[in-house]
Amino acid sequence: MKISRWALACTVALLFAGMAAAQDEAPKAEVFAGYSYVRVNPGFGAPGVNFNGGSASFSYNPNSWLGVVADFGGFHGSKFGVGADVYSYLFGPKVAFRRGAFTPYVQTLFGGAHGSAGGGCPEITARTRPQGIIICGGSDNAFAMTAGGGLDWNATDHIGIRVIQAEYFTTRFLSETQNNARISAGVVFRW
């Protein structure tokens, strides 16, 4: 009888340990929403422009370290009387290192971007195109990609703070490659 009680106690302890371990597993889904700063380098010899806006992403996590991300962003900037907007839609893998109170991660996302510009026709735009074409406004769709990572602080099991997300953000508008930087911070909700 003593052995069977001991076996029963061990079985119950293992069941409770399994349930406790299941609670420490990675969330199956994460939703991020926050502020984003983008330093846009338009190319064509034009000076860089600061864009401000927001990003939102959804991550499905099939296991504790791998996630599949869908990221959407909208950013606005202006310089020399010309305003511009960029909207991005990116998808790809994310690798997270889930340990304790902080979760560092890296990700590479691919997709597209839509850019539009409008406003006055400053003299500088005549020099921005090699062919001497003056661009006063318009829109374009382009390839886009980000590569980088970030750090989440796990405030609770279901809410985190994205302390920083820093990425190289490249686009290819008007057949010219733009090498940009994107920095984001915000709130992460987990299930």
C-alpha atoms as a PDB file:
ATOM      1  CA  MET A   1       0.000   0.000   0.000  1.00  0.00           C
ATOM      2  CA  LYS A   2       2.783   2.431   0.800  1.00  0.00           C
ATOM      3  CA  ILE A   3       4.236   2.049  -2.682  1.00  0.00           C
ATOM      4  CA  SER A   4       0.905   2.708  -4.398  1.00  0.00           C
ATOM      5  CA  ARG A   5       0.334   5.869  -2.324  1.00  0.00           C
ATOM      6  CA  TRP A   6       3.835   6.990  -3.211  1.00  0.00           C
ATOM      7  CA  ALA A   7       3.198   6.240  -6.902  1.00  0.00           C
ATOM      8  CA  LEU A   8      -0.118   8.113  -6.748  1.00  0.00           C
ATOM      9  CA  ALA A   9       1.582  11.112  -5.098  1.00  0.00           C
ATOM     10  CA  CYS A  10       4.313  11.113  -7.767  1.00  0.00           C
ATOM     11  CA  THR A  11       1.738  10.889 -10.554  1.00  0.00           C
ATOM     12  CA  VAL A  12      -0.255  13.794  -9.123  1.00  0.00           C
ATOM     13  CA  ALA A  13       2.949  15.834  -8.689  1.00  0.00           C
ATOM     14  CA  LEU A  14       3.930  15.156 -12.311  1.00  0.00           C
ATOM     15  CA  LEU A  15       0.472  16.203 -13.535  1.00  0.00           C
ATOM     16  CA  PHE A  16       0.658  19.476 -11.604  1.00  0.00           C
ATOM     17  CA  ALA A  17       4.219  20.064 -12.812  1.00  0.00           C
ATOM     18  CA  GLY A  18       3.037  19.513 -16.397  1.00  0.00           C
ATOM     19  CA  MET A  19       0.232  22.039 -15.916  1.00  0.00           C
ATOM     20  CA  ALA A  20       2.641  24.574 -14.405  1.00  0.00           C
ATOM     21  CA  ALA A  21       5.077  24.081 -17.300  1.00  0.00           C
ATOM     22  CA  ALA A  22       2.248  24.564 -19.786  1.00  0.00           C
ATOM     23  CA  GLN A  23       1.559  27.971 -18.255  1.00  0.00           C
ATOM     24  CA  ASP A  24       5.177  29.003 -18.921  1.00  0.00           C
ATOM     25  CA  GLU A  25       4.940  28.115 -22.615  1.00  0.00           C
ATOM     26  CA  ALA A  26       5.041  30.781 -25.276  1.00  0.00           C
ATOM     27  CA  PRO A  27       1.818  32.524 -26.188  1.00  0.00           C
ATOM     28  CA  LYS A  28       0.153  31.236 -29.349  1.00  0.00           C
ATOM     29  CA  ALA A  29      -0.573  34.771 -30.580  1.00  0.00           C
ATOM     30  CA  GLU A  30       0.788  38.269 -29.978  1.00  0.00           C
ATOM     31  CA  VAL A  31      -0.555  41.633 -31.122  1.00  0.00           C
ATOM     32  CA  PHE A  32       1.669  44.739 -31.071  1.00  0.00           C
ATOM     33  CA  ALA A  33       0.578  48.361 -31.511  1.00  0.00           C
ATOM     34  CA  GLY A  34       2.828  51.369 -31.098  1.00  0.00           C
ATOM     35  CA  TYR A  35       4.676  54.457 -32.291  1.00  0.00           C
ATOM     36  CA  SER A  36       7.265  54.262 -35.077  1.00  0.00           C
ATOM     37  CA  TYR A  37       9.972  56.686 -36.181  1.00  0.00           C
ATOM     38  CA  VAL A  38      11.358  56.164 -39.681  1.00  0.00           C
ATOM     39  CA  ARG A  39      14.429  57.927 -41.065  1.00  0.00           C
ATOM     40  CA  VAL A  40      13.803  57.985 -44.806  1.00  0.00           C
ATOM     41  CA  ASN A  41      16.692  58.456 -47.197  1.00  0.00           C
ATOM     42  CA  PRO A  42      14.854  59.058 -50.491  1.00  0.00           C
ATOM     43  CA  GLY A  43      17.852  58.745 -52.784  1.00  0.00           C
ATOM     44  CA  PHE A  44      18.329  60.826 -55.938  1.00  0.00           C
ATOM     45  CA  GLY A  45      20.689  63.068 -53.926  1.00  0.00           C
ATOM     46  CA  ALA A  46      17.805  64.366 -51.783  1.00  0.00           C
ATOM     47  CA  PRO A  47      18.364  64.915 -48.048  1.00  0.00           C
ATOM     48  CA  GLY A  48      16.931  62.500 -45.480  1.00  0.00           C
ATOM     49  CA  VAL A  49      13.491  63.080 -43.959  1.00  0.00           C
ATOM     50  CA  ASN A  50      12.097  62.172 -40.536  1.00  0.00           C
ATOM     51  CA  PHE A  51       8.774  60.305 -40.679  1.00  0.00           C
ATOM     52  CA  ASN A  52       6.505  59.623 -37.695  1.00  0.00           C
ATOM     53  CA  GLY A  53       3.635  57.181 -37.478  1.00  0.00           C
ATOM     54  CA  GLY A  54       2.563  53.861 -36.118  1.00  0.00           C
ATOM     55  CA  SER A  55       2.978  50.141 -36.601  1.00  0.00           C
ATOM     56  CA  ALA A  56       0.821  47.165 -35.737  1.00  0.00           C
ATOM     57  CA  SER A  57       1.719  43.513 -36.044  1.00  0.00           C
ATOM     58  CA  PHE A  58       0.241  40.099 -35.419  1.00  0.00           C
ATOM     59  CA  SER A  59       2.453  37.112 -34.624  1.00  0.00           C
ATOM     60  CA  TYR A  60       1.327  33.483 -34.615  1.00  0.00           C
ATOM     61  CA  ASN A  61       3.765  31.336 -32.604  1.00  0.00           C
ATOM     62  CA  PRO A  62       3.707  27.616 -33.513  1.00  0.00           C
ATOM     63  CA  ASN A  63       6.289  26.959 -30.765  1.00  0.00           C
ATOM     64  CA  SER A  64       8.210  28.827 -28.056  1.00  0.00           C
ATOM     65  CA  TRP A  65      10.922  30.295 -30.307  1.00  0.00           C
ATOM     66  CA  LEU A  66       9.404  30.685 -33.799  1.00  0.00           C
ATOM     67  CA  GLY A  67       6.729  33.134 -34.893  1.00  0.00           C
ATOM     68  CA  VAL A  68       5.123  34.104 -38.193  1.00  0.00           C
ATOM     69  CA  VAL A  69       4.572  37.888 -38.355  1.00  0.00           C
ATOM     70  CA  ALA A  70       2.247  40.164 -40.315  1.00  0.00           C
ATOM     71  CA  ASP A  71       3.287  43.823 -39.851  1.00  0.00           C
ATOM     72  CA  PHE A  72       1.490  46.966 -41.059  1.00  0.00           C
ATOM     73  CA  GLY A  73       2.706  50.556 -40.714  1.00  0.00           C
ATOM     74  CA  GLY A  74       1.786  54.081 -41.713  1.00  0.00           C
ATOM     75  CA  PHE A  75       4.223  57.022 -41.587  1.00  0.00           C
ATOM     76  CA  HIS A  76       4.132  60.711 -42.549  1.00  0.00           C
ATOM     77  CA  GLY A  77       6.913  63.226 -43.145  1.00  0.00           C
ATOM     78  CA  SER A  78       7.442  66.566 -44.860  1.00  0.00           C
ATOM     79  CA  LYS A  79      10.329  68.702 -46.022  1.00  0.00           C
ATOM     80  CA  PHE A  80      10.571  71.841 -48.182  1.00  0.00           C
ATOM     81  CA  GLY A  81       6.780  72.092 -48.337  1.00  0.00           C
ATOM     82  CA  VAL A  82       6.311  68.577 -49.738  1.00  0.00           C
ATOM     83  CA  GLY A  83       4.420  66.084 -47.576  1.00  0.00           C
ATOM     84  CA  ALA A  84       4.736  62.339 -48.044  1.00  0.00           C
ATOM     85  CA  ASP A  85       3.097  59.222 -46.670  1.00  0.00           C
ATOM     86  CA  VAL A  86       4.395  55.654 -46.660  1.00  0.00           C
ATOM     87  CA  TYR A  87       2.301  52.580 -45.830  1.00  0.00           C
ATOM     88  CA  SER A  88       4.041  49.231 -45.396  1.00  0.00           C
ATOM     89  CA  TYR A  89       2.751  45.652 -45.339  1.00  0.00           C
ATOM     90  CA  LEU A  90       5.359  43.068 -44.399  1.00  0.00           C
ATOM     91  CA  PHE A  91       5.382  39.349 -43.573  1.00  0.00           C
ATOM     92  CA  GLY A  92       8.000  36.880 -42.358  1.00  0.00           C
ATOM     93  CA  PRO A  93       9.612  34.850 -39.579  1.00  0.00           C
ATOM     94  CA  LYS A  94      10.499  35.954 -36.052  1.00  0.00           C
ATOM     95  CA  VAL A  95      12.827  34.115 -33.664  1.00  0.00           C
ATOM     96  CA  ALA A  96      12.265  34.880 -29.965  1.00  0.00           C
ATOM     97  CA  PHE A  97      14.473  34.027 -26.985  1.00  0.00           C
ATOM     98  CA  ARG A  98      11.875  33.678 -24.197  1.00  0.00           C
ATOM     99  CA  ARG A  99      13.624  33.786 -20.834  1.00  0.00           C
ATOM    100  CA  GLY A 100      12.221  35.397 -17.704  1.00  0.00           C
ATOM    101  CA  ALA A 101      11.063  38.991 -17.653  1.00  0.00           C
ATOM    102  CA  PHE A 102      12.529  39.962 -21.056  1.00  0.00           C
ATOM    103  CA  THR A 103      12.086  38.527 -24.532  1.00  0.00           C
ATOM    104  CA  PRO A 104      14.686  39.580 -27.111  1.00  0.00           C
ATOM    105  CA  TYR A 105      13.867  38.675 -30.723  1.00  0.00           C
ATOM    106  CA  VAL A 106      15.069  39.031 -34.304  1.00  0.00           C
ATOM    107  CA  GLN A 107      12.959  39.110 -37.448  1.00  0.00           C
ATOM    108  CA  THR A 108      13.186  39.577 -41.195  1.00  0.00           C
ATOM    109  CA  LEU A 109      10.051  40.710 -42.997  1.00  0.00           C
ATOM    110  CA  PHE A 110       9.317  41.035 -46.726  1.00  0.00           C
ATOM    111  CA  GLY A 111       6.469  42.701 -48.558  1.00  0.00           C
ATOM    112  CA  GLY A 112       5.613  46.009 -50.082  1.00  0.00           C
ATOM    113  CA  ALA A 113       5.074  49.688 -49.456  1.00  0.00           C
ATOM    114  CA  HIS A 114       2.886  52.370 -50.946  1.00  0.00           C
ATOM    115  CA  GLY A 115       4.254  55.914 -51.026  1.00  0.00           C
ATOM    116  CA  SER A 116       2.569  59.128 -52.003  1.00  0.00           C
ATOM    117  CA  ALA A 117       3.797  62.719 -52.046  1.00  0.00           C
ATOM    118  CA  GLY A 118       2.215  66.068 -52.705  1.00  0.00           C
ATOM    119  CA  GLY A 119       2.625  69.761 -52.091  1.00  0.00           C
ATOM    120  CA  GLY A 120       4.643  72.591 -53.562  1.00  0.00           C
ATOM    121  CA  CYS A 121       7.264  72.070 -56.230  1.00  0.00           C
ATOM    122  CA  PRO A 122      10.404  73.307 -54.548  1.00  0.00           C
ATOM    123  CA  GLU A 123      13.468  73.965 -56.644  1.00  0.00           C
ATOM    124  CA  ILE A 124      15.324  71.078 -54.971  1.00  0.00           C
ATOM    125  CA  THR A 125      13.060  68.480 -56.626  1.00  0.00           C
ATOM    126  CA  ALA A 126      14.478  69.364 -60.049  1.00  0.00           C
ATOM    127  CA  ARG A 127      17.839  68.054 -58.848  1.00  0.00           C
ATOM    128  CA  THR A 128      16.481  64.920 -57.205  1.00  0.00           C
ATOM    129  CA  ARG A 129      15.938  63.055 -60.486  1.00  0.00           C
ATOM    130  CA  PRO A 130      18.928  62.339 -62.715  1.00  0.00           C
ATOM    131  CA  GLN A 131      16.827  63.077 -65.814  1.00  0.00           C
ATOM    132  CA  GLY A 132      15.948  66.547 -64.459  1.00  0.00           C
ATOM    133  CA  ILE A 133      12.269  65.647 -64.101  1.00  0.00           C
ATOM    134  CA  ILE A 134      10.416  67.735 -61.535  1.00  0.00           C
ATOM    135  CA  ILE A 135       8.256  65.626 -59.231  1.00  0.00           C
ATOM    136  CA  CYS A 136       5.419  67.614 -57.632  1.00  0.00           C
ATOM    137  CA  GLY A 137       3.386  64.678 -56.384  1.00  0.00           C
ATOM    138  CA  GLY A 138       2.184  61.221 -57.168  1.00  0.00           C
ATOM    139  CA  SER A 139       2.306  57.731 -55.753  1.00  0.00           C
ATOM    140  CA  ASP A 140       4.177  54.498 -56.250  1.00  0.00           C
ATOM    141  CA  ASN A 141       4.145  50.913 -54.993  1.00  0.00           C
ATOM    142  CA  ALA A 142       7.436  49.259 -54.166  1.00  0.00           C
ATOM    143  CA  PHE A 143       9.206  46.260 -52.681  1.00  0.00           C
ATOM    144  CA  ALA A 144       9.959  46.661 -48.969  1.00  0.00           C
ATOM    145  CA  MET A 145      11.963  44.671 -46.426  1.00  0.00           C
ATOM    146  CA  THR A 146      12.992  44.992 -42.781  1.00  0.00           C
ATOM    147  CA  ALA A 147      15.702  43.179 -40.829  1.00  0.00           C
ATOM    148  CA  GLY A 148      16.346  43.731 -37.162  1.00  0.00           C
ATOM    149  CA  GLY A 149      15.068  42.907 -33.725  1.00  0.00           C
ATOM    150  CA  GLY A 150      13.842  44.168 -30.447  1.00  0.00           C
ATOM    151  CA  LEU A 151      13.249  43.659 -26.752  1.00  0.00           C
ATOM    152  CA  ASP A 152       9.922  43.077 -24.979  1.00  0.00           C
ATOM    153  CA  TRP A 153       9.466  43.458 -21.227  1.00  0.00           C
ATOM    154  CA  ASN A 154       6.913  40.916 -20.030  1.00  0.00           C
ATOM    155  CA  ALA A 155       4.907  42.993 -17.528  1.00  0.00           C
ATOM    156  CA  THR A 156       2.299  40.206 -17.068  1.00  0.00           C
ATOM    157  CA  ASP A 157       1.490  36.898 -18.763  1.00  0.00           C
ATOM    158  CA  HIS A 158      -0.789  38.703 -21.226  1.00  0.00           C
ATOM    159  CA  ILE A 159       0.663  42.239 -21.515  1.00  0.00           C
ATOM    160  CA  GLY A 160       4.156  43.297 -22.487  1.00  0.00           C
ATOM    161  CA  ILE A 161       5.959  46.506 -23.299  1.00  0.00           C
ATOM    162  CA  ARG A 162       7.989  46.625 -26.503  1.00  0.00           C
ATOM    163  CA  VAL A 163      10.907  48.623 -25.136  1.00  0.00           C
ATOM    164  CA  ILE A 164      12.520  48.935 -28.567  1.00  0.00           C
ATOM    165  CA  GLN A 165      12.337  47.480 -32.038  1.00  0.00           C
ATOM    166  CA  ALA A 166      15.143  48.669 -34.329  1.00  0.00           C
ATOM    167  CA  GLU A 167      15.305  47.654 -37.982  1.00  0.00           C
ATOM    168  CA  TYR A 168      16.979  48.333 -41.287  1.00  0.00           C
ATOM    169  CA  PHE A 169      14.030  49.242 -43.548  1.00  0.00           C
ATOM    170  CA  THR A 170      14.635  49.196 -47.291  1.00  0.00           C
ATOM    171  CA  THR A 171      12.251  50.237 -50.058  1.00  0.00           C
ATOM    172  CA  ARG A 172      12.606  50.574 -53.813  1.00  0.00           C
ATOM    173  CA  PHE A 173      10.506  53.527 -54.982  1.00  0.00           C
ATOM    174  CA  LEU A 174      10.945  54.944 -58.521  1.00  0.00           C
ATOM    175  CA  SER A 175      13.584  52.277 -59.343  1.00  0.00           C
ATOM    176  CA  GLU A 176      15.881  53.704 -56.634  1.00  0.00           C
ATOM    177  CA  THR A 177      16.791  51.858 -53.419  1.00  0.00           C
ATOM    178  CA  GLN A 178      16.077  53.747 -50.202  1.00  0.00           C
ATOM    179  CA  ASN A 179      18.090  52.653 -47.137  1.00  0.00           C
ATOM    180  CA  ASN A 180      15.993  53.660 -44.149  1.00  0.00           C
ATOM    181  CA  ALA A 181      15.828  52.953 -40.409  1.00  0.00           C
ATOM    182  CA  ARG A 182      12.696  52.175 -38.383  1.00  0.00           C
ATOM    183  CA  ILE A 183      12.496  52.368 -34.578  1.00  0.00           C
ATOM    184  CA  SER A 184       9.291  51.390 -32.765  1.00  0.00           C
ATOM    185  CA  ALA A 185       7.977  51.048 -29.212  1.00  0.00           C
ATOM    186  CA  GLY A 186       4.562  50.185 -27.792  1.00  0.00           C
ATOM    187  CA  VAL A 187       2.353  47.568 -26.157  1.00  0.00           C
ATOM    188  CA  VAL A 188       2.159  43.801 -26.815  1.00  0.00           C
ATOM    189  CA  PHE A 189      -0.948  41.732 -25.998  1.00  0.00           C
ATOM    190  CA  ARG A 190      -0.551  37.934 -25.723  1.00  0.00           C
ATOM    191  CA  TRP A 191      -2.881  34.919 -25.711  1.00  0.00           C
END
